[in-house]
């Protein structure tokens, strides 16, 4: 498998209008196990593969998993770490309830 451009993968595979999908991906990558219905987690030796969206996401090491999580925290959590990302998701979900 070749290297993945995480920004491009997120742009192509994440529906920003669905914060549950984003939360499920974040937790699946963080914990290395299935979480919810949108993403399947497959372990191939030491590589974590996320299946869902439009393409596979192979994460070859802990540092690649950490990098993806950090990119998600930067995009949607104002670069304030996991707490910021989770706060953004909570706010987005509350906004959905108000619609």
N, C-alpha and C. Protein backbone atom coordinates (compact mmCIF):
# COMPACT_ATOMS: atom_id res chain seq x y z
N UNK A 1 0.84 -1.19 0.00
CA UNK A 1 0.00 0.00 0.00
C UNK A 1 0.88 1.24 0.00
N UNK A 2 0.43 2.25 -0.70
CA UNK A 2 1.21 3.48 -0.78
C UNK A 2 0.78 4.47 0.30
N UNK A 3 1.60 5.48 0.51
CA UNK A 3 1.32 6.50 1.52
C UNK A 3 0.03 7.25 1.18
N UNK A 4 -0.68 7.65 2.20
CA UNK A 4 -1.96 8.35 2.05
C UNK A 4 -1.79 9.80 2.47
N UNK A 5 -2.33 10.70 1.67
CA UNK A 5 -2.41 12.12 2.03
C UNK A 5 -3.64 12.26 2.94
N UNK A 6 -3.41 12.43 4.23
CA UNK A 6 -4.51 12.45 5.18
C UNK A 6 -5.50 13.58 4.89
N UNK A 7 -5.01 14.75 4.53
CA UNK A 7 -5.93 15.86 4.22
C UNK A 7 -6.86 15.48 3.07
N UNK A 8 -6.29 14.92 2.01
CA UNK A 8 -7.08 14.51 0.86
C UNK A 8 -8.05 13.40 1.25
N UNK A 9 -7.58 12.43 2.06
CA UNK A 9 -8.45 11.33 2.47
C UNK A 9 -9.62 11.86 3.29
N UNK A 10 -9.36 12.78 4.21
CA UNK A 10 -10.45 13.35 5.00
C UNK A 10 -11.43 14.12 4.12
N UNK A 11 -10.90 14.90 3.17
CA UNK A 11 -11.77 15.65 2.26
C UNK A 11 -12.68 14.73 1.46
N UNK A 12 -12.15 13.59 1.06
CA UNK A 12 -12.87 12.66 0.19
C UNK A 12 -13.82 11.74 0.95
N UNK A 13 -13.50 11.40 2.18
CA UNK A 13 -14.22 10.35 2.88
C UNK A 13 -15.07 10.79 4.06
N UNK A 14 -14.94 12.03 4.49
CA UNK A 14 -15.67 12.51 5.66
C UNK A 14 -16.80 13.44 5.22
N UNK A 15 -17.97 13.19 5.78
CA UNK A 15 -19.11 14.07 5.57
C UNK A 15 -19.15 15.03 6.76
N UNK A 16 -18.73 16.25 6.55
CA UNK A 16 -18.66 17.22 7.65
C UNK A 16 -20.03 17.57 8.21
N UNK A 17 -21.09 17.22 7.50
CA UNK A 17 -22.44 17.45 8.01
C UNK A 17 -22.89 16.34 8.94
N UNK A 18 -22.04 15.33 9.14
CA UNK A 18 -22.39 14.20 10.00
C UNK A 18 -21.35 14.07 11.11
N UNK A 19 -21.50 14.83 12.20
CA UNK A 19 -20.51 14.78 13.28
C UNK A 19 -20.39 13.40 13.92
N UNK A 20 -21.46 12.61 13.90
CA UNK A 20 -21.37 11.25 14.44
C UNK A 20 -20.36 10.41 13.67
N UNK A 21 -20.36 10.57 12.36
CA UNK A 21 -19.41 9.85 11.50
C UNK A 21 -17.98 10.24 11.85
N UNK A 22 -17.77 11.51 12.06
CA UNK A 22 -16.44 12.00 12.40
C UNK A 22 -16.00 11.50 13.77
N UNK A 23 -16.92 11.52 14.73
CA UNK A 23 -16.61 11.03 16.07
C UNK A 23 -16.29 9.53 16.03
N UNK A 24 -17.07 8.77 15.28
CA UNK A 24 -16.82 7.34 15.17
C UNK A 24 -15.44 7.06 14.57
N UNK A 25 -15.05 7.83 13.55
CA UNK A 25 -13.73 7.65 12.97
C UNK A 25 -12.64 7.98 13.99
N UNK A 26 -12.80 9.08 14.67
CA UNK A 26 -11.80 9.50 15.65
C UNK A 26 -11.60 8.42 16.71
N UNK A 27 -12.69 7.92 17.26
CA UNK A 27 -12.60 6.91 18.31
C UNK A 27 -12.06 5.60 17.76
N UNK A 28 -12.45 5.23 16.54
CA UNK A 28 -11.94 4.00 15.93
C UNK A 28 -10.43 4.05 15.77
N UNK A 29 -9.92 5.19 15.32
CA UNK A 29 -8.47 5.33 15.14
C UNK A 29 -7.79 5.39 16.50
N UNK A 30 -8.33 6.16 17.41
CA UNK A 30 -7.72 6.30 18.74
C UNK A 30 -7.65 4.97 19.48
N UNK A 31 -8.77 4.22 19.45
CA UNK A 31 -8.85 2.99 20.24
C UNK A 31 -8.46 1.74 19.46
N UNK A 32 -8.42 1.85 18.13
CA UNK A 32 -8.04 0.70 17.31
C UNK A 32 -9.09 -0.40 17.28
N UNK A 33 -10.35 0.01 17.40
CA UNK A 33 -11.42 -0.98 17.34
C UNK A 33 -12.68 -0.35 16.77
N UNK A 34 -13.59 -1.20 16.30
CA UNK A 34 -14.84 -0.72 15.71
C UNK A 34 -15.61 0.13 16.69
N UNK A 35 -16.20 1.19 16.15
CA UNK A 35 -17.02 2.08 16.96
C UNK A 35 -18.12 2.62 16.06
N UNK A 36 -19.33 2.15 16.24
CA UNK A 36 -20.43 2.62 15.42
C UNK A 36 -20.56 1.84 14.12
N UNK A 37 -21.32 2.40 13.21
CA UNK A 37 -21.67 1.70 11.97
C UNK A 37 -20.93 2.20 10.73
N UNK A 38 -20.21 3.29 10.85
CA UNK A 38 -19.64 3.92 9.65
C UNK A 38 -18.26 3.40 9.24
N UNK A 39 -17.52 2.85 10.17
CA UNK A 39 -16.13 2.48 9.91
C UNK A 39 -15.85 1.07 10.45
N UNK A 40 -15.14 0.28 9.67
CA UNK A 40 -14.68 -1.03 10.13
C UNK A 40 -13.19 -0.95 10.36
N UNK A 41 -12.75 -1.50 11.47
CA UNK A 41 -11.34 -1.51 11.83
C UNK A 41 -10.80 -2.91 11.59
N UNK A 42 -9.73 -2.98 10.84
CA UNK A 42 -9.09 -4.26 10.53
C UNK A 42 -7.62 -4.14 10.94
N UNK A 43 -7.14 -5.10 11.69
CA UNK A 43 -5.72 -5.15 12.04
C UNK A 43 -5.04 -6.15 11.12
N UNK A 44 -4.00 -5.71 10.44
CA UNK A 44 -3.19 -6.57 9.58
C UNK A 44 -1.77 -6.49 10.13
N UNK A 45 -1.42 -7.47 10.95
CA UNK A 45 -0.16 -7.46 11.68
C UNK A 45 -0.19 -6.24 12.60
N UNK A 46 0.69 -5.27 12.39
CA UNK A 46 0.71 -4.07 13.25
C UNK A 46 0.04 -2.88 12.58
N UNK A 47 -0.47 -3.08 11.36
CA UNK A 47 -1.09 -1.99 10.62
C UNK A 47 -2.59 -1.96 10.88
N UNK A 48 -3.10 -0.78 11.17
CA UNK A 48 -4.53 -0.56 11.35
C UNK A 48 -5.10 -0.07 10.03
N UNK A 49 -6.14 -0.73 9.55
CA UNK A 49 -6.79 -0.32 8.31
C UNK A 49 -8.22 0.07 8.65
N UNK A 50 -8.59 1.28 8.25
CA UNK A 50 -9.95 1.77 8.43
C UNK A 50 -10.67 1.60 7.10
N UNK A 51 -11.79 0.91 7.16
CA UNK A 51 -12.58 0.66 5.96
C UNK A 51 -13.90 1.39 6.12
N UNK A 52 -14.27 2.11 5.09
CA UNK A 52 -15.50 2.90 5.10
C UNK A 52 -15.26 4.11 4.23
N UNK A 53 -16.27 4.87 4.01
CA UNK A 53 -16.09 6.00 3.10
C UNK A 53 -15.86 5.49 1.69
N UNK A 54 -15.02 6.17 0.96
CA UNK A 54 -14.77 5.82 -0.44
C UNK A 54 -13.48 5.06 -0.67
N UNK A 55 -12.60 5.01 0.34
CA UNK A 55 -11.34 4.31 0.17
C UNK A 55 -10.80 3.84 1.52
N UNK A 56 -9.95 2.83 1.47
CA UNK A 56 -9.31 2.32 2.68
C UNK A 56 -8.33 3.35 3.22
N UNK A 57 -8.15 3.30 4.53
CA UNK A 57 -7.16 4.16 5.16
C UNK A 57 -6.20 3.28 5.95
N UNK A 58 -5.03 2.98 5.38
CA UNK A 58 -4.04 2.19 6.11
C UNK A 58 -3.19 3.09 7.00
N UNK A 59 -3.09 2.72 8.26
CA UNK A 59 -2.28 3.46 9.22
C UNK A 59 -1.19 2.50 9.69
N UNK A 60 0.02 2.73 9.22
CA UNK A 60 1.11 1.77 9.36
C UNK A 60 1.77 1.76 10.73
N UNK A 61 1.54 2.78 11.54
CA UNK A 61 2.24 2.87 12.82
C UNK A 61 1.41 3.72 13.79
N UNK A 62 1.81 3.69 15.04
CA UNK A 62 1.16 4.53 16.04
C UNK A 62 1.35 6.01 15.69
N UNK A 63 2.50 6.36 15.17
CA UNK A 63 2.73 7.76 14.82
C UNK A 63 1.80 8.20 13.68
N UNK A 64 1.49 7.32 12.72
CA UNK A 64 0.55 7.70 11.66
C UNK A 64 -0.86 7.84 12.22
N UNK A 65 -1.23 6.99 13.18
CA UNK A 65 -2.54 7.14 13.83
C UNK A 65 -2.60 8.46 14.60
N UNK A 66 -1.53 8.75 15.34
CA UNK A 66 -1.48 10.01 16.10
C UNK A 66 -1.54 11.22 15.17
N UNK A 67 -0.89 11.12 14.03
CA UNK A 67 -0.88 12.21 13.06
C UNK A 67 -2.29 12.48 12.53
N UNK A 68 -3.02 11.42 12.18
CA UNK A 68 -4.39 11.59 11.69
C UNK A 68 -5.27 12.21 12.78
N UNK A 69 -5.16 11.72 14.00
CA UNK A 69 -5.95 12.27 15.09
C UNK A 69 -5.64 13.76 15.27
N UNK A 70 -4.35 14.10 15.22
CA UNK A 70 -3.95 15.50 15.37
C UNK A 70 -4.52 16.36 14.24
N UNK A 71 -4.53 15.83 13.04
CA UNK A 71 -5.09 16.60 11.91
C UNK A 71 -6.59 16.84 12.13
N UNK A 72 -7.29 15.83 12.65
CA UNK A 72 -8.71 16.01 12.93
C UNK A 72 -8.91 17.04 14.04
N UNK A 73 -8.05 16.99 15.05
CA UNK A 73 -8.13 17.97 16.14
C UNK A 73 -7.86 19.38 15.63
N UNK A 74 -6.92 19.52 14.67
CA UNK A 74 -6.63 20.83 14.10
C UNK A 74 -7.81 21.34 13.30
N UNK A 75 -8.38 20.50 12.46
CA UNK A 75 -9.47 20.91 11.58
C UNK A 75 -10.72 21.30 12.34
N UNK A 76 -11.12 20.45 13.25
CA UNK A 76 -12.44 20.61 13.87
C UNK A 76 -12.38 20.96 15.35
N UNK A 77 -11.21 20.94 15.95
CA UNK A 77 -11.11 21.24 17.37
C UNK A 77 -10.28 22.46 17.66
N UNK A 78 -10.07 23.31 16.66
CA UNK A 78 -9.28 24.54 16.82
C UNK A 78 -7.90 24.25 17.41
N UNK A 79 -7.35 23.09 17.05
CA UNK A 79 -6.00 22.70 17.47
C UNK A 79 -5.86 22.69 18.99
N UNK A 80 -6.93 22.25 19.67
CA UNK A 80 -6.91 22.20 21.13
C UNK A 80 -6.94 20.76 21.64
N UNK A 81 -6.47 19.84 20.82
CA UNK A 81 -6.37 18.45 21.23
C UNK A 81 -7.71 17.73 21.22
N UNK A 82 -7.69 16.58 21.86
CA UNK A 82 -8.88 15.73 21.89
C UNK A 82 -10.07 16.45 22.52
N UNK A 83 -9.82 17.19 23.59
CA UNK A 83 -10.91 17.90 24.26
C UNK A 83 -11.59 18.89 23.31
N UNK A 84 -10.80 19.60 22.52
CA UNK A 84 -11.36 20.56 21.58
C UNK A 84 -12.17 19.87 20.50
N UNK A 85 -11.66 18.77 19.99
CA UNK A 85 -12.38 18.02 18.96
C UNK A 85 -13.71 17.51 19.52
N UNK A 86 -13.66 16.90 20.70
CA UNK A 86 -14.89 16.37 21.30
C UNK A 86 -15.89 17.47 21.62
N UNK A 87 -15.40 18.64 22.02
CA UNK A 87 -16.29 19.79 22.27
C UNK A 87 -16.94 20.25 20.97
N UNK A 88 -16.17 20.25 19.86
CA UNK A 88 -16.73 20.63 18.56
C UNK A 88 -17.83 19.66 18.17
N UNK A 89 -17.57 18.35 18.32
CA UNK A 89 -18.58 17.34 17.97
C UNK A 89 -19.84 17.55 18.81
N UNK A 90 -19.67 17.76 20.10
CA UNK A 90 -20.81 17.97 20.99
C UNK A 90 -21.63 19.18 20.53
N UNK A 91 -20.94 20.27 20.21
CA UNK A 91 -21.63 21.46 19.73
C UNK A 91 -22.34 21.22 18.41
N UNK A 92 -21.69 20.49 17.50
CA UNK A 92 -22.30 20.20 16.20
C UNK A 92 -23.53 19.32 16.38
N UNK A 93 -23.45 18.35 17.29
CA UNK A 93 -24.61 17.48 17.54
C UNK A 93 -25.75 18.26 18.16
N UNK A 94 -25.46 19.18 19.05
CA UNK A 94 -26.50 20.02 19.65
C UNK A 94 -27.13 20.90 18.60
N UNK A 95 -26.33 21.39 17.66
CA UNK A 95 -26.87 22.20 16.56
C UNK A 95 -27.82 21.40 15.69
N UNK A 96 -27.52 20.10 15.49
CA UNK A 96 -28.40 19.23 14.71
C UNK A 96 -29.74 19.05 15.41
N UNK A 97 -29.69 18.91 16.74
CA UNK A 97 -30.92 18.70 17.50
C UNK A 97 -31.83 19.92 17.42
N UNK A 98 -31.24 21.10 17.26
CA UNK A 98 -32.02 22.34 17.22
C UNK A 98 -32.68 22.56 15.86
N UNK A 99 -32.23 21.82 14.84
CA UNK A 99 -32.79 22.02 13.48
C UNK A 99 -34.18 21.45 13.38
